[in-house]
PDB file of N, CA and C in Angstrom:
ATOM      1  N   MET A   1      39.319 -53.766  46.863  1.00  0.00           N
ATOM      2  CA  MET A   1      40.025 -53.252  48.465  1.00  0.00           C
ATOM      3  C   MET A   1      41.636 -52.530  48.428  1.00  0.00           C
ATOM      4  N   LYS A   2      41.384 -52.130  49.014  1.00  0.00           N
ATOM      5  CA  LYS A   2      42.774 -50.859  49.429  1.00  0.00           C
ATOM      6  C   LYS A   2      44.149 -51.602  49.017  1.00  0.00           C
ATOM      7  N   LYS A   3      44.788 -51.234  48.633  1.00  0.00           N
ATOM      8  CA  LYS A   3      46.408 -52.152  48.695  1.00  0.00           C
ATOM      9  C   LYS A   3      47.400 -51.279  48.870  1.00  0.00           C
ATOM     10  N   ARG A   4      48.222 -51.316  50.409  1.00  0.00           N
ATOM     11  CA  ARG A   4      49.433 -50.531  51.218  1.00  0.00           C
ATOM     12  C   ARG A   4      50.994 -50.141  49.700  1.00  0.00           C
ATOM     13  N   TYR A   5      51.047 -48.941  49.779  1.00  0.00           N
ATOM     14  CA  TYR A   5      52.170 -48.932  48.343  1.00  0.00           C
ATOM     15  C   TYR A   5      53.430 -48.384  48.448  1.00  0.00           C
ATOM     16  N   ASP A   6      54.457 -48.688  49.147  1.00  0.00           N
ATOM     17  CA  ASP A   6      56.101 -48.385  49.674  1.00  0.00           C
ATOM     18  C   ASP A   6      56.132 -47.004  48.268  1.00  0.00           C
ATOM     19  N   VAL A   7      56.758 -46.141  48.117  1.00  0.00           N
ATOM     20  CA  VAL A   7      56.913 -44.948  47.422  1.00  0.00           C
ATOM     21  C   VAL A   7      58.249 -44.290  47.435  1.00  0.00           C
ATOM     22  N   GLU A   8      58.898 -43.980  46.707  1.00  0.00           N
ATOM     23  CA  GLU A   8      59.813 -42.879  46.310  1.00  0.00           C
ATOM     24  C   GLU A   8      60.287 -41.581  45.572  1.00  0.00           C
ATOM     25  N   ILE A   9      59.382 -40.867  46.269  1.00  0.00           N
ATOM     26  CA  ILE A   9      59.640 -39.577  44.890  1.00  0.00           C
ATOM     27  C   ILE A   9      60.563 -38.211  45.531  1.00  0.00           C
ATOM     28  N   LEU A  10      61.439 -38.559  45.021  1.00  0.00           N
ATOM     29  CA  LEU A  10      62.234 -37.115  45.362  1.00  0.00           C
ATOM     30  C   LEU A  10      63.756 -37.679  46.319  1.00  0.00           C
ATOM     31  N   ARG A  11      64.191 -38.956  46.608  1.00  0.00           N
ATOM     32  CA  ARG A  11      64.518 -39.711  47.611  1.00  0.00           C
ATOM     33  C   ARG A  11      63.818 -39.433  48.472  1.00  0.00           C
ATOM     34  N   GLU A  12      62.617 -39.472  48.509  1.00  0.00           N
ATOM     35  CA  GLU A  12      62.185 -39.480  49.921  1.00  0.00           C
ATOM     36  C   GLU A  12      60.613 -40.889  49.574  1.00  0.00           C
ATOM     37  N   GLU A  13      61.162 -41.367  51.020  1.00  0.00           N
ATOM     38  CA  GLU A  13      60.138 -42.497  51.065  1.00  0.00           C
ATOM     39  C   GLU A  13      58.567 -42.190  51.960  1.00  0.00           C
ATOM     40  N   LEU A  14      57.810 -43.134  51.168  1.00  0.00           N
ATOM     41  CA  LEU A  14      56.436 -42.762  51.890  1.00  0.00           C
ATOM     42  C   LEU A  14      55.551 -44.072  51.302  1.00  0.00           C
ATOM     43  N   SER A  15      54.646 -44.479  51.935  1.00  0.00           N
ATOM     44  CA  SER A  15      54.028 -45.353  52.024  1.00  0.00           C
ATOM     45  C   SER A  15      52.313 -44.565  51.626  1.00  0.00           C
ATOM     46  N   VAL A  16      52.042 -45.031  50.357  1.00  0.00           N
ATOM     47  CA  VAL A  16      50.631 -45.027  50.130  1.00  0.00           C
ATOM     48  C   VAL A  16      49.776 -45.865  50.572  1.00  0.00           C
ATOM     49  N   VAL A  17      48.278 -45.453  50.468  1.00  0.00           N
ATOM     50  CA  VAL A  17      47.059 -46.083  50.704  1.00  0.00           C
ATOM     51  C   VAL A  17      46.286 -46.082  49.458  1.00  0.00           C
ATOM     52  N   SER A  18      45.568 -47.303  48.198  1.00  0.00           N
ATOM     53  CA  SER A  18      45.078 -46.915  47.611  1.00  0.00           C
ATOM     54  C   SER A  18      44.307 -48.043  47.097  1.00  0.00           C
ATOM     55  N   ASP A  19      43.048 -47.629  46.677  1.00  0.00           N
ATOM     56  CA  ASP A  19      41.863 -49.128  46.292  1.00  0.00           C
ATOM     57  C   ASP A  19      42.180 -48.938  44.529  1.00  0.00           C
ATOM     58  N   SER A  20      43.228 -48.101  44.147  1.00  0.00           N
ATOM     59  CA  SER A  20      43.336 -48.813  42.256  1.00  0.00           C
ATOM     60  C   SER A  20      44.289 -49.332  42.073  1.00  0.00           C
ATOM     61  N   GLY A  21      44.098 -49.638  40.836  1.00  0.00           N
ATOM     62  CA  GLY A  21      44.940 -50.989  40.699  1.00  0.00           C
ATOM     63  C   GLY A  21      46.295 -50.903  40.111  1.00  0.00           C
ATOM     64  N   ASP A  22      47.167 -51.470  40.371  1.00  0.00           N
ATOM     65  CA  ASP A  22      48.624 -51.483  40.604  1.00  0.00           C
ATOM     66  C   ASP A  22      49.042 -50.663  39.131  1.00  0.00           C
ATOM     67  N   GLU A  23      48.420 -50.538  37.842  1.00  0.00           N
ATOM     68  CA  GLU A  23      48.918 -49.739  36.847  1.00  0.00           C
ATOM     69  C   GLU A  23      48.642 -48.262  37.398  1.00  0.00           C
ATOM     70  N   HIS A  24      46.942 -48.007  37.694  1.00  0.00           N
ATOM     71  CA  HIS A  24      46.985 -46.686  37.435  1.00  0.00           C
ATOM     72  C   HIS A  24      47.783 -46.266  39.359  1.00  0.00           C
ATOM     73  N   VAL A  25      48.269 -46.702  39.676  1.00  0.00           N
ATOM     74  CA  VAL A  25      49.265 -46.611  41.332  1.00  0.00           C
ATOM     75  C   VAL A  25      50.215 -46.165  40.491  1.00  0.00           C
ATOM     76  N   ALA A  26      50.653 -46.787  39.217  1.00  0.00           N
ATOM     77  CA  ALA A  26      52.516 -46.857  39.186  1.00  0.00           C
ATOM     78  C   ALA A  26      52.236 -45.661  38.012  1.00  0.00           C
ATOM     79  N   GLU A  27      51.543 -45.053  37.401  1.00  0.00           N
ATOM     80  CA  GLU A  27      51.213 -44.391  36.403  1.00  0.00           C
ATOM     81  C   GLU A  27      50.969 -42.203  37.360  1.00  0.00           C
ATOM     82  N   THR A  28      50.509 -42.911  38.627  1.00  0.00           N
ATOM     83  CA  THR A  28      49.786 -41.377  39.596  1.00  0.00           C
ATOM     84  C   THR A  28      51.775 -41.459  40.246  1.00  0.00           C
ATOM     85  N   ILE A  29      52.264 -42.101  40.511  1.00  0.00           N
ATOM     86  CA  ILE A  29      53.620 -41.813  41.101  1.00  0.00           C
ATOM     87  C   ILE A  29      54.482 -41.455  40.248  1.00  0.00           C
ATOM     88  N   SER A  30      54.392 -41.835  39.036  1.00  0.00           N
ATOM     89  CA  SER A  30      55.416 -41.848  37.961  1.00  0.00           C
ATOM     90  C   SER A  30      54.807 -40.380  37.345  1.00  0.00           C
ATOM     91  N   TYR A  31      54.644 -39.488  37.558  1.00  0.00           N
ATOM     92  CA  TYR A  31      53.662 -38.679  36.727  1.00  0.00           C
ATOM     93  C   TYR A  31      53.888 -37.315  37.743  1.00  0.00           C
ATOM     94  N   VAL A  32      53.184 -37.953  39.383  1.00  0.00           N
ATOM     95  CA  VAL A  32      54.000 -36.652  40.184  1.00  0.00           C
ATOM     96  C   VAL A  32      55.597 -36.733  40.496  1.00  0.00           C
ATOM     97  N   SER A  33      56.570 -37.556  40.466  1.00  0.00           N
ATOM     98  CA  SER A  33      57.870 -38.095  40.176  1.00  0.00           C
ATOM     99  C   SER A  33      57.813 -37.033  39.582  1.00  0.00           C
ATOM    100  N   GLN A  34      57.534 -37.451  37.744  1.00  0.00           N
ATOM    101  CA  GLN A  34      57.903 -36.283  37.105  1.00  0.00           C
ATOM    102  C   GLN A  34      57.715 -34.664  37.200  1.00  0.00           C
ATOM    103  N   LYS A  35      56.672 -34.571  37.598  1.00  0.00           N
ATOM    104  CA  LYS A  35      56.290 -33.264  37.916  1.00  0.00           C
ATOM    105  C   LYS A  35      57.304 -32.816  38.930  1.00  0.00           C
ATOM    106  N   MET A  36      57.162 -33.396  40.180  1.00  0.00           N
ATOM    107  CA  MET A  36      58.481 -33.227  41.154  1.00  0.00           C
ATOM    108  C   MET A  36      59.792 -32.738  40.854  1.00  0.00           C
ATOM    109  N   GLU A  37      60.318 -33.134  39.849  1.00  0.00           N
ATOM    110  CA  GLU A  37      61.982 -33.240  39.004  1.00  0.00           C
ATOM    111  C   GLU A  37      61.859 -32.400  37.703  1.00  0.00           C
ATOM    112  N   GLU A  38      61.092 -31.912  37.356  1.00  0.00           N
ATOM    113  CA  GLU A  38      60.280 -30.514  36.805  1.00  0.00           C
ATOM    114  C   GLU A  38      60.850 -29.396  37.313  1.00  0.00           C
ATOM    115  N   ALA A  39      60.102 -29.060  38.723  1.00  0.00           N
ATOM    116  CA  ALA A  39      59.432 -28.211  39.375  1.00  0.00           C
ATOM    117  C   ALA A  39      61.054 -27.909  40.069  1.00  0.00           C
ATOM    118  N   ARG A  40      61.900 -29.308  40.575  1.00  0.00           N
ATOM    119  CA  ARG A  40      63.240 -29.540  41.421  1.00  0.00           C
ATOM    120  C   ARG A  40      63.997 -28.395  40.574  1.00  0.00           C
ATOM    121  N   THR A  41      64.028 -28.481  39.514  1.00  0.00           N
ATOM    122  CA  THR A  41      64.701 -28.143  38.406  1.00  0.00           C
ATOM    123  C   THR A  41      64.255 -26.409  38.151  1.00  0.00           C
ATOM    124  N   LEU A  42      63.139 -26.183  38.335  1.00  0.00           N
ATOM    125  CA  LEU A  42      63.058 -24.212  38.301  1.00  0.00           C
ATOM    126  C   LEU A  42      63.655 -23.584  39.687  1.00  0.00           C
ATOM    127  N   VAL A  43      63.470 -24.447  40.613  1.00  0.00           N
ATOM    128  CA  VAL A  43      63.576 -24.078  41.871  1.00  0.00           C
ATOM    129  C   VAL A  43      64.912 -23.759  42.104  1.00  0.00           C
ATOM    130  N   PRO A  44      65.212 -22.221  42.999  1.00  0.00           N
ATOM    131  CA  PRO A  44      66.379 -21.705  43.208  1.00  0.00           C
ATOM    132  C   PRO A  44      67.512 -23.108  44.427  1.00  0.00           C
ATOM    133  N   GLY A  45      68.387 -23.487  44.453  1.00  0.00           N
ATOM    134  CA  GLY A  45      69.142 -24.354  45.930  1.00  0.00           C
ATOM    135  C   GLY A  45      68.391 -25.604  45.318  1.00  0.00           C
ATOM    136  N   ARG A  46      66.930 -25.382  44.799  1.00  0.00           N
ATOM    137  CA  ARG A  46      66.569 -27.097  44.618  1.00  0.00           C
ATOM    138  C   ARG A  46      65.692 -27.399  46.208  1.00  0.00           C
ATOM    139  N   ASN A  47      65.614 -26.478  46.905  1.00  0.00           N
ATOM    140  CA  ASN A  47      63.941 -26.675  47.962  1.00  0.00           C
ATOM    141  C   ASN A  47      63.254 -27.749  47.677  1.00  0.00           C
ATOM    142  N   VAL A  48      63.036 -28.764  48.347  1.00  0.00           N
ATOM    143  CA  VAL A  48      62.266 -29.999  48.053  1.00  0.00           C
ATOM    144  C   VAL A  48      60.802 -29.121  48.216  1.00  0.00           C
ATOM    145  N   THR A  49      60.461 -28.508  49.501  1.00  0.00           N
ATOM    146  CA  THR A  49      59.421 -27.811  50.165  1.00  0.00           C
ATOM    147  C   THR A  49      58.678 -27.278  48.583  1.00  0.00           C
ATOM    148  N   LYS A  50      59.434 -25.935  47.987  1.00  0.00           N
ATOM    149  CA  LYS A  50      59.160 -24.978  47.123  1.00  0.00           C
ATOM    150  C   LYS A  50      58.938 -25.824  46.193  1.00  0.00           C
ATOM    151  N   ALA A  51      59.791 -27.023  45.754  1.00  0.00           N
ATOM    152  CA  ALA A  51      59.433 -28.129  44.491  1.00  0.00           C
ATOM    153  C   ALA A  51      57.988 -28.663  44.116  1.00  0.00           C
ATOM    154  N   ALA A  52      57.663 -28.934  45.989  1.00  0.00           N
ATOM    155  CA  ALA A  52      56.610 -29.526  45.613  1.00  0.00           C
ATOM    156  C   ALA A  52      55.243 -28.682  45.599  1.00  0.00           C
ATOM    157  N   ILE A  53      55.634 -27.510  46.386  1.00  0.00           N
ATOM    158  CA  ILE A  53      54.538 -26.708  46.154  1.00  0.00           C
ATOM    159  C   ILE A  53      54.437 -26.234  44.956  1.00  0.00           C
ATOM    160  N   LEU A  54      55.342 -26.225  43.874  1.00  0.00           N
ATOM    161  CA  LEU A  54      55.046 -25.504  42.703  1.00  0.00           C
ATOM    162  C   LEU A  54      54.939 -26.522  41.474  1.00  0.00           C
ATOM    163  N   ALA A  55      55.572 -28.007  41.670  1.00  0.00           N
ATOM    164  CA  ALA A  55      54.508 -29.183  41.803  1.00  0.00           C
ATOM    165  C   ALA A  55      53.402 -29.180  41.522  1.00  0.00           C
ATOM    166  N   ALA A  56      52.747 -29.299  42.966  1.00  0.00           N
ATOM    167  CA  ALA A  56      51.065 -29.114  43.232  1.00  0.00           C
ATOM    168  C   ALA A  56      50.342 -28.015  42.377  1.00  0.00           C
ATOM    169  N   LEU A  57      50.991 -26.787  42.046  1.00  0.00           N
ATOM    170  CA  LEU A  57      50.690 -26.226  41.944  1.00  0.00           C
ATOM    171  C   LEU A  57      50.155 -25.800  39.903  1.00  0.00           C
ATOM    172  N   ASN A  58      51.786 -26.657  39.301  1.00  0.00           N
ATOM    173  CA  ASN A  58      51.865 -27.086  37.543  1.00  0.00           C
ATOM    174  C   ASN A  58      50.262 -27.734  37.622  1.00  0.00           C
ATOM    175  N   ILE A  59      50.150 -28.823  38.666  1.00  0.00           N
ATOM    176  CA  ILE A  59      49.317 -30.300  38.787  1.00  0.00           C
ATOM    177  C   ILE A  59      47.651 -29.484  38.928  1.00  0.00           C
ATOM    178  N   ALA A  60      47.946 -28.986  39.819  1.00  0.00           N
ATOM    179  CA  ALA A  60      46.359 -27.789  39.520  1.00  0.00           C
ATOM    180  C   ALA A  60      45.719 -27.286  38.784  1.00  0.00           C
ATOM    181  N   ASP A  61      46.568 -26.587  38.095  1.00  0.00           N
ATOM    182  CA  ASP A  61      46.175 -25.110  36.680  1.00  0.00           C
ATOM    183  C   ASP A  61      45.843 -26.641  35.560  1.00  0.00           C
ATOM    184  N   GLU A  62      46.099 -27.929  35.690  1.00  0.00           N
ATOM    185  CA  GLU A  62      46.399 -28.634  34.578  1.00  0.00           C
ATOM    186  C   GLU A  62      44.705 -29.203  34.922  1.00  0.00           C
ATOM    187  N   TYR A  63      44.374 -29.496  35.817  1.00  0.00           N
ATOM    188  CA  TYR A  63      43.379 -29.981  36.729  1.00  0.00           C
ATOM    189  C   TYR A  63      42.220 -29.588  36.124  1.00  0.00           C
ATOM    190  N   LEU A  64      42.439 -27.651  36.737  1.00  0.00           N
ATOM    191  CA  LEU A  64      41.381 -26.985  36.235  1.00  0.00           C
ATOM    192  C   LEU A  64      41.358 -26.466  34.779  1.00  0.00           C
ATOM    193  N   GLN A  65      42.619 -26.627  34.397  1.00  0.00           N
ATOM    194  CA  GLN A  65      41.928 -26.291  32.768  1.00  0.00           C
ATOM    195  C   GLN A  65      41.654 -27.715  31.749  1.00  0.00           C
ATOM    196  N   LEU A  66      41.900 -28.792  32.042  1.00  0.00           N
ATOM    197  CA  LEU A  66      41.258 -30.207  31.932  1.00  0.00           C
ATOM    198  C   LEU A  66      39.795 -30.177  32.222  1.00  0.00           C
ATOM    199  N   LYS A  67      38.938 -29.611  33.699  1.00  0.00           N
ATOM    200  CA  LYS A  67      37.991 -29.249  34.181  1.00  0.00           C
ATOM    201  C   LYS A  67      36.717 -28.379  33.125  1.00  0.00           C
ATOM    202  N   ALA A  68      37.988 -26.977  32.967  1.00  0.00           N
ATOM    203  CA  ALA A  68      37.043 -26.306  32.250  1.00  0.00           C
ATOM    204  C   ALA A  68      37.081 -26.602  31.134  1.00  0.00           C
ATOM    205  N   ALA A  69      38.143 -26.669  30.195  1.00  0.00           N
ATOM    206  CA  ALA A  69      37.915 -27.575  28.887  1.00  0.00           C
ATOM    207  C   ALA A  69      36.514 -29.450  29.133  1.00  0.00           C
ATOM    208  N   ARG A  70      36.657 -30.039  29.707  1.00  0.00           N
ATOM    209  CA  ARG A  70      35.167 -30.629  29.811  1.00  0.00           C
ATOM    210  C   ARG A  70      33.882 -30.036  30.199  1.00  0.00           C
ATOM    211  N   GLN A  71      34.150 -28.962  30.799  1.00  0.00           N
ATOM    212  CA  GLN A  71      32.727 -28.352  30.627  1.00  0.00           C
ATOM    213  C   GLN A  71      32.198 -27.863  29.602  1.00  0.00           C
ATOM    214  N   ASP A  72      33.287 -27.270  29.377  1.00  0.00           N
ATOM    215  CA  ASP A  72      32.605 -26.436  27.582  1.00  0.00           C
ATOM    216  C   ASP A  72      32.183 -27.827  26.897  1.00  0.00           C
ATOM    217  N   VAL A  73      32.870 -28.873  26.885  1.00  0.00           N
ATOM    218  CA  VAL A  73      32.529 -29.641  25.765  1.00  0.00           C
ATOM    219  C   VAL A  73      31.087 -30.637  26.717  1.00  0.00           C
ATOM    220  N   TYR A  74      30.875 -30.722  28.018  1.00  0.00           N
ATOM    221  CA  TYR A  74      29.547 -30.998  28.137  1.00  0.00           C
ATOM    222  C   TYR A  74      28.723 -30.142  28.152  1.00  0.00           C
ATOM    223  N   SER A  75      28.654 -28.616  27.477  1.00  0.00           N
ATOM    224  CA  SER A  75      27.880 -27.847  27.597  1.00  0.00           C
ATOM    225  C   SER A  75      27.253 -27.521  25.781  1.00  0.00           C
ATOM    226  N   ARG A  76      28.348 -27.495  25.585  1.00  0.00           N
ATOM    227  CA  ARG A  76      28.447 -27.685  23.820  1.00  0.00           C
ATOM    228  C   ARG A  76      27.404 -29.112  23.217  1.00  0.00           C
ATOM    229  N   LEU A  77      27.868 -30.306  23.859  1.00  0.00           N
ATOM    230  CA  LEU A  77      27.008 -31.702  24.013  1.00  0.00           C
ATOM    231  C   LEU A  77      25.448 -30.974  24.666  1.00  0.00           C
ATOM    232  N   GLU A  78      24.666 -30.347  25.847  1.00  0.00           N
ATOM    233  CA  GLU A  78      23.793 -30.637  26.108  1.00  0.00           C
ATOM    234  C   GLU A  78      23.263 -29.635  25.231  1.00  0.00           C
ATOM    235  N   ASP A  79      23.572 -28.472  24.057  1.00  0.00           N
ATOM    236  CA  ASP A  79      23.282 -27.452  23.179  1.00  0.00           C
ATOM    237  C   ASP A  79      22.101 -28.378  22.426  1.00  0.00           C
ATOM    238  N   ARG A  80      23.727 -29.609  22.169  1.00  0.00           N
ATOM    239  CA  ARG A  80      23.415 -30.068  20.635  1.00  0.00           C
ATOM    240  C   ARG A  80      22.120 -31.102  20.581  1.00  0.00           C
ATOM    241  N   SER A  81      22.331 -31.773  22.107  1.00  0.00           N
ATOM    242  CA  SER A  81      20.891 -32.630  22.152  1.00  0.00           C
ATOM    243  C   SER A  81      19.216 -31.543  22.386  1.00  0.00           C
ATOM    244  N   GLU A  82      19.817 -30.612  22.785  1.00  0.00           N
ATOM    245  CA  GLU A  82      18.532 -30.067  22.822  1.00  0.00           C
ATOM    246  C   GLU A  82      17.752 -29.150  21.528  1.00  0.00           C
ATOM    247  N   GLN A  83      19.287 -28.909  20.716  1.00  0.00           N
ATOM    248  CA  GLN A  83      18.514 -28.232  19.406  1.00  0.00           C
ATOM    249  C   GLN A  83      17.917 -30.066  18.493  1.00  0.00           C
ATOM    250  N   LEU A  84      18.395 -31.570  18.614  1.00  0.00           N
ATOM    251  CA  LEU A  84      18.209 -31.933  18.292  1.00  0.00           C
ATOM    252  C   LEU A  84      16.505 -32.446  18.481  1.00  0.00           C
ATOM    253  N   VAL A  85      16.298 -32.400  20.039  1.00  0.00           N
ATOM    254  CA  VAL A  85      14.944 -32.602  20.762  1.00  0.00           C
ATOM    255  C   VAL A  85      13.857 -31.629  19.830  1.00  0.00           C
ATOM    256  N   ARG A  86      14.358 -30.471  19.757  1.00  0.00           N
ATOM    257  CA  ARG A  86      13.635 -29.685  18.382  1.00  0.00           C
ATOM    258  C   ARG A  86      13.884 -30.033  17.722  1.00  0.00           C
ATOM    259  N   LEU A  87      14.408 -30.177  16.582  1.00  0.00           N
ATOM    260  CA  LEU A  87      14.522 -30.972  14.912  1.00  0.00           C
ATOM    261  C   LEU A  87      13.308 -31.980  15.269  1.00  0.00           C
ATOM    262  N   ILE A  88      13.154 -32.854  16.184  1.00  0.00           N
ATOM    263  CA  ILE A  88      12.688 -34.217  15.946  1.00  0.00           C
ATOM    264  C   ILE A  88      11.162 -32.993  16.381  1.00  0.00           C
ATOM    265  N   LYS A  89      10.976 -32.246  17.480  1.00  0.00           N
ATOM    266  CA  LYS A  89       9.400 -32.117  17.759  1.00  0.00           C
ATOM    267  C   LYS A  89       8.969 -31.528  16.430  1.00  0.00           C
ATOM    268  N   ASP A  90       9.934 -30.344  15.834  1.00  0.00           N
ATOM    269  CA  ASP A  90       9.422 -30.270  15.502  1.00  0.00           C
ATOM    270  C   ASP A  90       9.489 -30.909  13.692  1.00  0.00           C
ATOM    271  N   LEU A  91       9.432 -32.130  13.462  1.00  0.00           N
ATOM    272  CA  LEU A  91       9.193 -33.102  12.489  1.00  0.00           C
ATOM    273  C   LEU A  91       8.286 -33.924  12.842  1.00  0.00           C
ATOM    274  N   ARG A  92       7.354 -33.360  13.934  1.00  0.00           N
ATOM    275  CA  ARG A  92       6.068 -34.016  13.848  1.00  0.00           C
ATOM    276  C   ARG A  92       4.984 -33.420  13.283  1.00  0.00           C
TER     277      ARG A  92
END
Protein backbone atom coordinates (compact mmCIF):
# COMPACT_ATOMS: atom_id res chain seq x y z
CA MET A 1 0.00 0.00 0.00
CA LYS A 2 1.40 3.36 -0.98
CA LYS A 3 2.16 5.86 1.72
CA ARG A 4 2.87 9.58 1.47
CA TYR A 5 6.04 11.03 3.00
CA ASP A 6 6.86 14.70 3.50
CA VAL A 7 10.53 15.27 2.77
CA GLU A 8 12.95 18.14 3.19
CA ILE A 9 16.24 18.12 1.32
CA LEU A 10 18.43 21.22 1.19
CA ARG A 11 15.61 23.23 2.71
CA GLU A 12 13.30 22.18 -0.14
CA GLU A 13 10.07 20.50 0.90
CA LEU A 14 8.28 17.94 -1.20
CA SER A 15 6.02 14.94 -0.84
CA VAL A 16 6.83 11.50 -2.15
CA VAL A 17 4.65 8.41 -2.41
CA SER A 18 6.13 4.95 -1.92
CA ASP A 19 5.03 1.42 -1.21
CA SER A 20 8.39 0.62 0.38
CA GLY A 21 8.65 0.40 4.13
CA ASP A 22 9.29 3.37 6.38
CA GLU A 23 12.87 2.28 7.08
CA HIS A 24 13.73 1.98 3.38
CA VAL A 25 12.18 5.36 2.59
CA ALA A 26 14.06 6.99 5.47
CA GLU A 27 17.32 5.41 4.33
CA THR A 28 16.73 6.58 0.75
CA ILE A 29 15.91 10.11 1.83
CA SER A 30 18.98 10.21 4.06
CA TYR A 31 21.21 8.94 1.25
CA VAL A 32 19.94 11.48 -1.28
CA SER A 33 20.17 14.26 1.28
CA GLN A 34 23.78 13.33 2.06
CA LYS A 35 24.69 13.22 -1.64
CA MET A 36 23.01 16.60 -2.20
CA GLU A 37 24.92 18.15 0.71
CA GLU A 38 28.21 16.74 -0.61
CA ALA A 39 27.51 18.04 -4.12
CA ARG A 40 26.41 21.45 -2.85
CA THR A 41 29.78 22.01 -1.18
CA LEU A 42 31.48 21.44 -4.55
CA VAL A 43 29.28 23.76 -6.60
CA PRO A 44 30.35 27.40 -6.91
CA GLY A 45 27.72 29.70 -5.41
CA ARG A 46 26.02 26.66 -3.91
CA ASN A 47 23.50 26.59 -6.76
CA VAL A 48 20.88 24.00 -5.80
CA THR A 49 20.05 23.00 -9.37
CA LYS A 50 23.69 22.38 -10.24
CA ALA A 51 24.15 20.53 -6.96
CA ALA A 52 21.16 18.32 -7.79
CA ILE A 53 22.60 17.52 -11.21
CA LEU A 54 26.01 16.73 -9.71
CA ALA A 55 24.41 14.55 -7.01
CA ALA A 56 22.36 12.73 -9.67
CA LEU A 57 25.50 12.11 -11.73
CA ASN A 58 27.35 10.78 -8.68
CA ILE A 59 24.45 8.49 -7.74
CA ALA A 60 24.13 7.27 -11.34
CA ASP A 61 27.87 6.55 -11.45
CA GLU A 62 27.65 4.51 -8.24
CA TYR A 63 24.63 2.64 -9.59
CA LEU A 64 26.28 1.82 -12.91
CA GLN A 65 29.46 0.62 -11.19
CA LEU A 66 27.42 -1.65 -8.90
CA LYS A 67 25.37 -2.89 -11.84
CA ALA A 68 28.55 -3.79 -13.75
CA ALA A 69 30.01 -5.52 -10.68
CA ARG A 70 26.79 -7.51 -10.23
CA GLN A 71 26.84 -8.56 -13.87
CA ASP A 72 30.45 -9.67 -13.48
CA VAL A 73 29.51 -11.80 -10.46
CA TYR A 74 26.56 -13.32 -12.35
CA SER A 75 28.81 -14.13 -15.31
CA ARG A 76 31.38 -15.81 -13.07
CA LEU A 77 28.66 -17.80 -11.31
CA GLU A 78 27.24 -18.90 -14.63
CA ASP A 79 30.69 -19.99 -15.82
CA ARG A 80 31.26 -21.93 -12.59
CA SER A 81 27.85 -23.57 -12.87
CA GLU A 82 28.58 -24.68 -16.41
CA GLN A 83 31.94 -26.08 -15.29
CA LEU A 84 30.24 -28.03 -12.49
CA VAL A 85 27.64 -29.41 -14.88
CA ARG A 86 30.41 -30.57 -17.23
CA LEU A 87 32.31 -32.19 -14.35
CA ILE A 88 29.20 -34.00 -13.17
CA LYS A 89 28.48 -35.24 -16.71
CA ASP A 90 32.07 -36.42 -17.04
CA LEU A 91 31.72 -38.45 -13.84
CA ARG A 92 28.81 -40.46 -15.27
